[in-house]
Amino acid sequence: MNRTTIGASGGNGVHATAKFDAVVIGAGVAELYQLYPLREFGPHVRAIDAALGVGGTRYWNRYPGARVDSEGYVYPYILSESLYKGWSRSEKCLSQPEIERWLNYVADELDLRKDIQFGMTVQSAHFNEAAERSVVAINKCPSG
């Protein structure tokens, strides 16, 4: 498997790199679903998200009345039986606060936070053919 190199520049001019088996951009519904099984392909996986917490769109969209337009059963993940046993939804179409609580619950139950780098944005990404590796440059968000 080709690996991915992530380079991060700090505000003090320091440049750091790390090598990963897989990189996921974002920490929303689909990205959390991807992150968990990717651990089976290699021990070094990372998700990068500009937000300071999980949720993707559900993290940012907090306006009054925000909710999903699908019944709550479409969001449960087929990853772990314990996720189903430890959570029950309170309504048919989940409100933003409840879907955000669900995604935080998933992140905690599956121990995903250790593989997520919050408060970072992707500056660039490209495949280096000579090195046979993807190179991803990230930056710290001003709010991160």
N, C-alpha and C. Protein backbone atom coordinates (compact mmCIF):
# COMPACT_ATOMS: atom_id res chain seq x y z
N MET A 1 0.84 -1.18 0.00
CA MET A 1 0.00 0.00 0.00
C MET A 1 0.89 1.24 0.00
N ASN A 2 0.56 2.20 -0.86
CA ASN A 2 1.28 3.46 -0.86
C ASN A 2 0.91 4.23 0.39
N ARG A 3 1.86 4.97 0.90
CA ARG A 3 1.61 5.75 2.10
C ARG A 3 1.41 7.20 1.73
N THR A 4 0.91 7.95 2.68
CA THR A 4 0.67 9.37 2.49
C THR A 4 1.53 10.13 3.48
N THR A 5 2.15 11.18 3.00
CA THR A 5 2.92 12.06 3.88
C THR A 5 2.12 13.32 4.10
N ILE A 6 1.99 13.72 5.37
CA ILE A 6 1.31 14.97 5.69
C ILE A 6 2.38 15.92 6.21
N GLY A 7 2.40 17.11 5.64
CA GLY A 7 3.31 18.15 6.10
C GLY A 7 2.50 19.28 6.70
N ALA A 8 2.91 19.74 7.86
CA ALA A 8 2.20 20.84 8.53
C ALA A 8 3.18 21.95 8.83
N SER A 9 2.77 23.17 8.51
CA SER A 9 3.59 24.34 8.82
C SER A 9 2.97 25.07 9.99
N GLY A 10 3.78 25.30 10.99
CA GLY A 10 3.30 26.07 12.13
C GLY A 10 3.49 27.55 11.89
N GLY A 11 2.87 28.36 12.71
CA GLY A 11 2.99 29.80 12.58
C GLY A 11 4.41 30.30 12.82
N ASN A 12 5.23 29.49 13.48
CA ASN A 12 6.60 29.89 13.78
C ASN A 12 7.59 29.45 12.71
N GLY A 13 7.07 28.98 11.56
CA GLY A 13 7.95 28.57 10.47
C GLY A 13 8.43 27.14 10.57
N VAL A 14 8.05 26.44 11.63
CA VAL A 14 8.47 25.05 11.80
C VAL A 14 7.64 24.18 10.86
N HIS A 15 8.29 23.25 10.18
CA HIS A 15 7.62 22.35 9.25
C HIS A 15 7.79 20.93 9.77
N ALA A 16 6.68 20.22 9.94
CA ALA A 16 6.74 18.85 10.45
C ALA A 16 6.08 17.93 9.44
N THR A 17 6.55 16.69 9.35
CA THR A 17 5.94 15.71 8.46
C THR A 17 5.65 14.44 9.24
N ALA A 18 4.65 13.72 8.76
CA ALA A 18 4.30 12.42 9.33
C ALA A 18 3.82 11.54 8.19
N LYS A 19 4.01 10.24 8.32
CA LYS A 19 3.59 9.30 7.28
C LYS A 19 2.38 8.50 7.77
N PHE A 20 1.39 8.33 6.87
CA PHE A 20 0.16 7.64 7.19
C PHE A 20 -0.19 6.64 6.12
N ASP A 21 -0.92 5.60 6.52
CA ASP A 21 -1.41 4.60 5.56
C ASP A 21 -2.62 5.14 4.81
N ALA A 22 -3.40 6.01 5.44
CA ALA A 22 -4.58 6.59 4.81
C ALA A 22 -4.89 7.92 5.48
N VAL A 23 -5.45 8.84 4.69
CA VAL A 23 -5.87 10.14 5.20
C VAL A 23 -7.29 10.39 4.74
N VAL A 24 -8.15 10.81 5.66
CA VAL A 24 -9.54 11.13 5.37
C VAL A 24 -9.70 12.63 5.60
N ILE A 25 -10.33 13.30 4.66
CA ILE A 25 -10.54 14.74 4.80
C ILE A 25 -11.94 14.96 5.36
N GLY A 26 -11.99 15.45 6.59
CA GLY A 26 -13.25 15.73 7.26
C GLY A 26 -13.51 14.77 8.41
N ALA A 27 -14.46 15.15 9.27
CA ALA A 27 -14.86 14.31 10.40
C ALA A 27 -16.38 14.33 10.55
N GLY A 28 -17.05 14.23 9.39
CA GLY A 28 -18.51 14.19 9.38
C GLY A 28 -19.02 12.77 9.35
N VAL A 29 -20.28 12.62 8.99
CA VAL A 29 -20.94 11.31 8.98
C VAL A 29 -20.16 10.29 8.15
N ALA A 30 -19.91 10.60 6.89
CA ALA A 30 -19.23 9.65 5.99
C ALA A 30 -17.78 9.44 6.39
N GLU A 31 -17.13 10.49 6.83
CA GLU A 31 -15.70 10.39 7.16
C GLU A 31 -15.46 9.53 8.41
N LEU A 32 -16.32 9.66 9.42
CA LEU A 32 -16.19 8.79 10.59
C LEU A 32 -16.41 7.34 10.18
N TYR A 33 -17.36 7.14 9.27
CA TYR A 33 -17.65 5.79 8.79
C TYR A 33 -16.44 5.21 8.05
N GLN A 34 -15.69 6.05 7.34
CA GLN A 34 -14.49 5.60 6.61
C GLN A 34 -13.33 5.37 7.55
N LEU A 35 -13.17 6.23 8.51
CA LEU A 35 -12.00 6.19 9.38
C LEU A 35 -11.88 4.89 10.16
N TYR A 36 -12.99 4.42 10.68
CA TYR A 36 -12.95 3.22 11.53
C TYR A 36 -12.41 1.98 10.79
N PRO A 37 -12.96 1.60 9.65
CA PRO A 37 -12.44 0.41 8.98
C PRO A 37 -11.05 0.60 8.36
N LEU A 38 -10.67 1.85 8.10
CA LEU A 38 -9.33 2.08 7.53
C LEU A 38 -8.23 1.64 8.48
N ARG A 39 -8.52 1.61 9.75
CA ARG A 39 -7.52 1.14 10.73
C ARG A 39 -7.09 -0.29 10.44
N GLU A 40 -7.95 -1.07 9.80
CA GLU A 40 -7.61 -2.46 9.48
C GLU A 40 -6.54 -2.55 8.39
N PHE A 41 -6.42 -1.52 7.55
CA PHE A 41 -5.43 -1.52 6.47
C PHE A 41 -4.06 -1.10 6.94
N GLY A 42 -4.00 -0.43 8.05
CA GLY A 42 -2.72 0.02 8.59
C GLY A 42 -2.96 0.79 9.87
N PRO A 43 -1.99 0.75 10.73
CA PRO A 43 -2.17 1.37 12.04
C PRO A 43 -2.10 2.90 12.02
N HIS A 44 -1.64 3.46 10.92
CA HIS A 44 -1.44 4.90 10.87
C HIS A 44 -2.44 5.54 9.92
N VAL A 45 -3.58 5.96 10.47
CA VAL A 45 -4.59 6.66 9.69
C VAL A 45 -4.86 8.01 10.36
N ARG A 46 -5.33 8.95 9.58
CA ARG A 46 -5.58 10.28 10.12
C ARG A 46 -6.74 10.91 9.37
N ALA A 47 -7.58 11.61 10.10
CA ALA A 47 -8.61 12.46 9.51
C ALA A 47 -8.22 13.90 9.84
N ILE A 48 -8.47 14.78 8.90
CA ILE A 48 -8.16 16.21 9.05
C ILE A 48 -9.47 16.97 8.95
N ASP A 49 -9.76 17.86 9.91
CA ASP A 49 -10.99 18.64 9.86
C ASP A 49 -10.74 20.05 10.38
N ALA A 50 -11.34 21.02 9.73
CA ALA A 50 -11.21 22.41 10.14
C ALA A 50 -11.94 22.70 11.45
N ALA A 51 -12.99 21.95 11.72
CA ALA A 51 -13.77 22.15 12.94
C ALA A 51 -12.97 21.72 14.17
N LEU A 52 -13.46 22.10 15.31
CA LEU A 52 -12.82 21.71 16.56
C LEU A 52 -13.49 20.49 17.19
N GLY A 53 -14.43 19.88 16.46
CA GLY A 53 -15.11 18.69 16.92
C GLY A 53 -15.68 17.91 15.75
N VAL A 54 -16.19 16.72 16.02
CA VAL A 54 -16.76 15.88 14.96
C VAL A 54 -18.12 16.41 14.54
N GLY A 55 -18.57 15.99 13.36
CA GLY A 55 -19.91 16.32 12.92
C GLY A 55 -20.01 16.82 11.50
N GLY A 56 -18.93 17.33 10.93
CA GLY A 56 -19.00 17.84 9.57
C GLY A 56 -20.05 18.94 9.46
N THR A 57 -20.96 18.79 8.51
CA THR A 57 -22.04 19.76 8.32
C THR A 57 -22.84 19.94 9.60
N ARG A 58 -23.01 18.85 10.33
CA ARG A 58 -23.80 18.91 11.57
C ARG A 58 -23.07 19.69 12.66
N TYR A 59 -21.78 19.86 12.54
CA TYR A 59 -21.02 20.68 13.48
C TYR A 59 -21.26 22.17 13.19
N TRP A 60 -21.22 22.53 11.91
CA TRP A 60 -21.29 23.94 11.51
C TRP A 60 -22.72 24.47 11.46
N ASN A 61 -23.68 23.69 11.04
CA ASN A 61 -25.06 24.18 10.86
C ASN A 61 -25.83 24.05 12.16
N ARG A 62 -25.89 25.14 12.91
CA ARG A 62 -26.53 25.15 14.22
C ARG A 62 -27.70 26.13 14.28
N TYR A 63 -28.23 26.47 13.14
CA TYR A 63 -29.33 27.44 13.11
C TYR A 63 -30.58 26.82 13.74
N PRO A 64 -31.50 27.65 14.24
CA PRO A 64 -32.72 27.13 14.86
C PRO A 64 -33.50 26.24 13.89
N GLY A 65 -33.91 25.09 14.35
CA GLY A 65 -34.69 24.17 13.54
C GLY A 65 -33.88 23.26 12.63
N ALA A 66 -32.56 23.36 12.67
CA ALA A 66 -31.72 22.51 11.81
C ALA A 66 -31.93 21.05 12.19
N ARG A 67 -32.11 20.21 11.16
CA ARG A 67 -32.27 18.78 11.39
C ARG A 67 -31.94 18.05 10.11
N VAL A 68 -31.83 16.74 10.18
CA VAL A 68 -31.58 15.94 8.99
C VAL A 68 -32.91 15.71 8.28
N ASP A 69 -32.83 15.51 6.97
CA ASP A 69 -34.05 15.32 6.19
C ASP A 69 -34.33 13.84 5.91
N SER A 70 -33.65 12.97 6.64
CA SER A 70 -33.84 11.53 6.51
C SER A 70 -34.19 10.97 7.87
N GLU A 71 -34.87 9.84 7.86
CA GLU A 71 -35.17 9.21 9.14
C GLU A 71 -33.88 8.80 9.83
N GLY A 72 -33.86 8.90 11.14
CA GLY A 72 -32.66 8.66 11.93
C GLY A 72 -32.00 7.32 11.70
N TYR A 73 -32.75 6.32 11.23
CA TYR A 73 -32.15 5.00 11.07
C TYR A 73 -31.11 4.96 9.94
N VAL A 74 -31.06 5.98 9.06
CA VAL A 74 -30.06 5.95 7.99
C VAL A 74 -28.67 6.31 8.52
N TYR A 75 -28.58 6.89 9.70
CA TYR A 75 -27.30 7.29 10.23
C TYR A 75 -26.60 6.26 11.11
N PRO A 76 -27.30 5.26 11.65
CA PRO A 76 -26.57 4.26 12.42
C PRO A 76 -25.54 3.56 11.54
N TYR A 77 -24.43 3.27 12.12
CA TYR A 77 -23.34 2.65 11.38
C TYR A 77 -23.34 1.14 11.60
N ILE A 78 -23.03 0.39 10.57
CA ILE A 78 -22.91 -1.05 10.69
C ILE A 78 -21.43 -1.34 10.97
N LEU A 79 -20.98 -0.88 12.11
CA LEU A 79 -19.58 -1.04 12.48
C LEU A 79 -19.42 -1.80 13.78
N SER A 80 -20.38 -1.61 14.67
CA SER A 80 -20.25 -2.19 16.00
C SER A 80 -21.63 -2.38 16.61
N GLU A 81 -21.88 -3.57 17.10
CA GLU A 81 -23.17 -3.85 17.74
C GLU A 81 -23.38 -2.98 18.97
N SER A 82 -22.28 -2.63 19.65
CA SER A 82 -22.40 -1.82 20.86
C SER A 82 -22.96 -0.42 20.56
N LEU A 83 -22.76 0.07 19.34
CA LEU A 83 -23.31 1.38 18.99
C LEU A 83 -24.84 1.36 19.08
N TYR A 84 -25.44 0.27 18.63
CA TYR A 84 -26.89 0.17 18.65
C TYR A 84 -27.43 -0.03 20.07
N LYS A 85 -26.72 -0.81 20.84
CA LYS A 85 -27.19 -1.11 22.19
C LYS A 85 -27.08 0.08 23.13
N GLY A 86 -26.17 0.98 22.84
CA GLY A 86 -25.94 2.10 23.75
C GLY A 86 -26.62 3.39 23.35
N TRP A 87 -27.41 3.39 22.28
CA TRP A 87 -28.02 4.63 21.80
C TRP A 87 -29.43 4.38 21.31
N SER A 88 -30.32 5.29 21.62
CA SER A 88 -31.66 5.23 21.03
C SER A 88 -32.04 6.65 20.63
N ARG A 89 -32.58 6.78 19.45
CA ARG A 89 -32.95 8.10 18.95
C ARG A 89 -34.28 8.51 19.56
N SER A 90 -34.47 9.82 19.64
CA SER A 90 -35.68 10.31 20.29
C SER A 90 -36.74 10.77 19.29
N GLU A 91 -36.37 10.90 18.02
CA GLU A 91 -37.33 11.37 17.03
C GLU A 91 -37.02 10.78 15.66
N LYS A 92 -37.99 10.89 14.75
CA LYS A 92 -37.86 10.30 13.42
C LYS A 92 -36.75 10.96 12.60
N CYS A 93 -36.79 12.27 12.46
CA CYS A 93 -35.75 13.03 11.75
C CYS A 93 -34.98 13.82 12.80
N LEU A 94 -33.76 13.42 13.04
CA LEU A 94 -32.99 13.96 14.15
C LEU A 94 -32.70 15.45 14.00
N SER A 95 -32.77 16.15 15.13
CA SER A 95 -32.41 17.56 15.16
C SER A 95 -30.88 17.68 15.16
N GLN A 96 -30.37 18.85 14.84
CA GLN A 96 -28.92 19.06 14.81
C GLN A 96 -28.27 18.69 16.14
N PRO A 97 -28.82 19.13 17.28
CA PRO A 97 -28.15 18.76 18.53
C PRO A 97 -28.09 17.25 18.75
N GLU A 98 -29.15 16.54 18.36
CA GLU A 98 -29.14 15.09 18.58
C GLU A 98 -28.19 14.38 17.61
N ILE A 99 -28.14 14.79 16.36
CA ILE A 99 -27.21 14.14 15.43
C ILE A 99 -25.78 14.44 15.84
N GLU A 100 -25.53 15.63 16.35
CA GLU A 100 -24.17 15.95 16.82
C GLU A 100 -23.83 15.11 18.06
N ARG A 101 -24.79 14.92 18.96
CA ARG A 101 -24.55 14.05 20.12
C ARG A 101 -24.26 12.62 19.65
N TRP A 102 -25.03 12.14 18.64
CA TRP A 102 -24.82 10.80 18.10
C TRP A 102 -23.40 10.66 17.54
N LEU A 103 -22.96 11.62 16.75
CA LEU A 103 -21.64 11.53 16.13
C LEU A 103 -20.53 11.62 17.18
N ASN A 104 -20.73 12.40 18.23
CA ASN A 104 -19.77 12.42 19.33
C ASN A 104 -19.75 11.08 20.05
N TYR A 105 -20.92 10.49 20.24
CA TYR A 105 -21.02 9.16 20.84
C TYR A 105 -20.26 8.13 20.01
N VAL A 106 -20.46 8.16 18.68
CA VAL A 106 -19.76 7.24 17.78
C VAL A 106 -18.24 7.44 17.90
N ALA A 107 -17.80 8.69 17.84
CA ALA A 107 -16.37 8.98 17.93
C ALA A 107 -15.78 8.47 19.24
N ASP A 108 -16.51 8.61 20.33
CA ASP A 108 -16.03 8.15 21.63
C ASP A 108 -16.05 6.63 21.74
N GLU A 109 -17.18 6.01 21.33
CA GLU A 109 -17.31 4.55 21.44
C GLU A 109 -16.28 3.81 20.59
N LEU A 110 -15.98 4.34 19.41
CA LEU A 110 -15.03 3.68 18.51
C LEU A 110 -13.62 4.24 18.66
N ASP A 111 -13.43 5.13 19.62
CA ASP A 111 -12.12 5.73 19.92
C ASP A 111 -11.50 6.37 18.67
N LEU A 112 -12.30 7.16 17.96
CA LEU A 112 -11.85 7.76 16.71
C LEU A 112 -11.06 9.06 16.91
N ARG A 113 -11.29 9.76 18.00
CA ARG A 113 -10.66 11.07 18.19
C ARG A 113 -9.13 11.01 18.14
N LYS A 114 -8.57 9.90 18.56
CA LYS A 114 -7.10 9.80 18.55
C LYS A 114 -6.54 9.85 17.14
N ASP A 115 -7.38 9.59 16.14
CA ASP A 115 -6.94 9.60 14.74
C ASP A 115 -7.46 10.80 13.96
N ILE A 116 -7.97 11.81 14.66
CA ILE A 116 -8.49 13.01 14.00
C ILE A 116 -7.67 14.22 14.43
N GLN A 117 -7.26 15.00 13.45
CA GLN A 117 -6.55 16.23 13.72
C GLN A 117 -7.53 17.37 13.47
N PHE A 118 -8.02 17.98 14.54
CA PHE A 118 -9.00 19.05 14.46
C PHE A 118 -8.31 20.40 14.28
N GLY A 119 -9.06 21.36 13.76
CA GLY A 119 -8.55 22.71 13.62
C GLY A 119 -7.51 22.86 12.52
N MET A 120 -7.57 21.98 11.51
CA MET A 120 -6.59 22.02 10.42
C MET A 120 -7.32 22.00 9.08
N THR A 121 -6.76 22.66 8.08
CA THR A 121 -7.29 22.63 6.73
C THR A 121 -6.24 22.07 5.78
N VAL A 122 -6.70 21.50 4.70
CA VAL A 122 -5.80 20.98 3.68
C VAL A 122 -5.44 22.12 2.73
N GLN A 123 -4.17 22.40 2.62
CA GLN A 123 -3.68 23.45 1.72
C GLN A 123 -3.51 22.88 0.31
N SER A 124 -2.99 21.66 0.23
CA SER A 124 -2.80 21.02 -1.08
C SER A 124 -2.65 19.52 -0.88
N ALA A 125 -2.87 18.80 -1.97
CA ALA A 125 -2.68 17.34 -1.97
C ALA A 125 -2.29 16.94 -3.38
N HIS A 126 -1.27 16.12 -3.50
CA HIS A 126 -0.88 15.62 -4.81
C HIS A 126 -0.15 14.29 -4.66
N PHE A 127 -0.10 13.54 -5.75
CA PHE A 127 0.59 12.26 -5.76
C PHE A 127 1.96 12.45 -6.36
N ASN A 128 2.98 12.08 -5.62
CA ASN A 128 4.36 12.15 -6.07
C ASN A 128 4.70 10.80 -6.70
N GLU A 129 4.72 10.75 -8.03
CA GLU A 129 4.95 9.49 -8.73
C GLU A 129 6.31 8.89 -8.44
N ALA A 130 7.32 9.72 -8.35
CA ALA A 130 8.67 9.22 -8.10
C ALA A 130 8.77 8.53 -6.74
N ALA A 131 8.14 9.12 -5.75
CA ALA A 131 8.18 8.56 -4.39
C ALA A 131 7.06 7.54 -4.16
N GLU A 132 6.12 7.44 -5.11
CA GLU A 132 4.95 6.58 -4.98
C GLU A 132 4.22 6.84 -3.66
N ARG A 133 3.94 8.11 -3.45
CA ARG A 133 3.29 8.51 -2.20
C ARG A 133 2.50 9.78 -2.43
N SER A 134 1.37 9.89 -1.76
CA SER A 134 0.60 11.14 -1.78
C SER A 134 1.20 12.09 -0.77
N VAL A 135 1.18 13.35 -1.09
CA VAL A 135 1.70 14.37 -0.19
C VAL A 135 0.58 15.36 0.08
N VAL A 136 0.26 15.55 1.34
CA VAL A 136 -0.82 16.43 1.76
C VAL A 136 -0.22 17.51 2.66
N ALA A 137 -0.46 18.77 2.31
CA ALA A 137 0.02 19.88 3.15
C ALA A 137 -1.18 20.43 3.90
N ILE A 138 -1.02 20.59 5.21
CA ILE A 138 -2.11 21.11 6.04
C ILE A 138 -1.67 22.36 6.78
N ASN A 139 -2.64 23.17 7.14
CA ASN A 139 -2.40 24.40 7.90
C ASN A 139 -3.34 24.45 9.08
N LYS A 140 -2.89 25.06 10.15
CA LYS A 140 -3.74 25.27 11.30
C LYS A 140 -4.74 26.38 10.97
N CYS A 141 -6.00 26.15 11.33
CA CYS A 141 -7.03 27.17 11.12
C CYS A 141 -6.82 28.32 12.11
N PRO A 142 -7.17 29.52 11.73
CA PRO A 142 -7.06 30.64 12.67
C PRO A 142 -7.84 30.40 13.95
N SER A 143 -9.00 29.72 13.84
CA SER A 143 -9.82 29.46 15.02
C SER A 143 -9.40 28.20 15.75
N GLY A 144 -8.49 27.38 15.14
CA GLY A 144 -8.10 26.09 15.70
C GLY A 144 -7.03 26.18 16.63
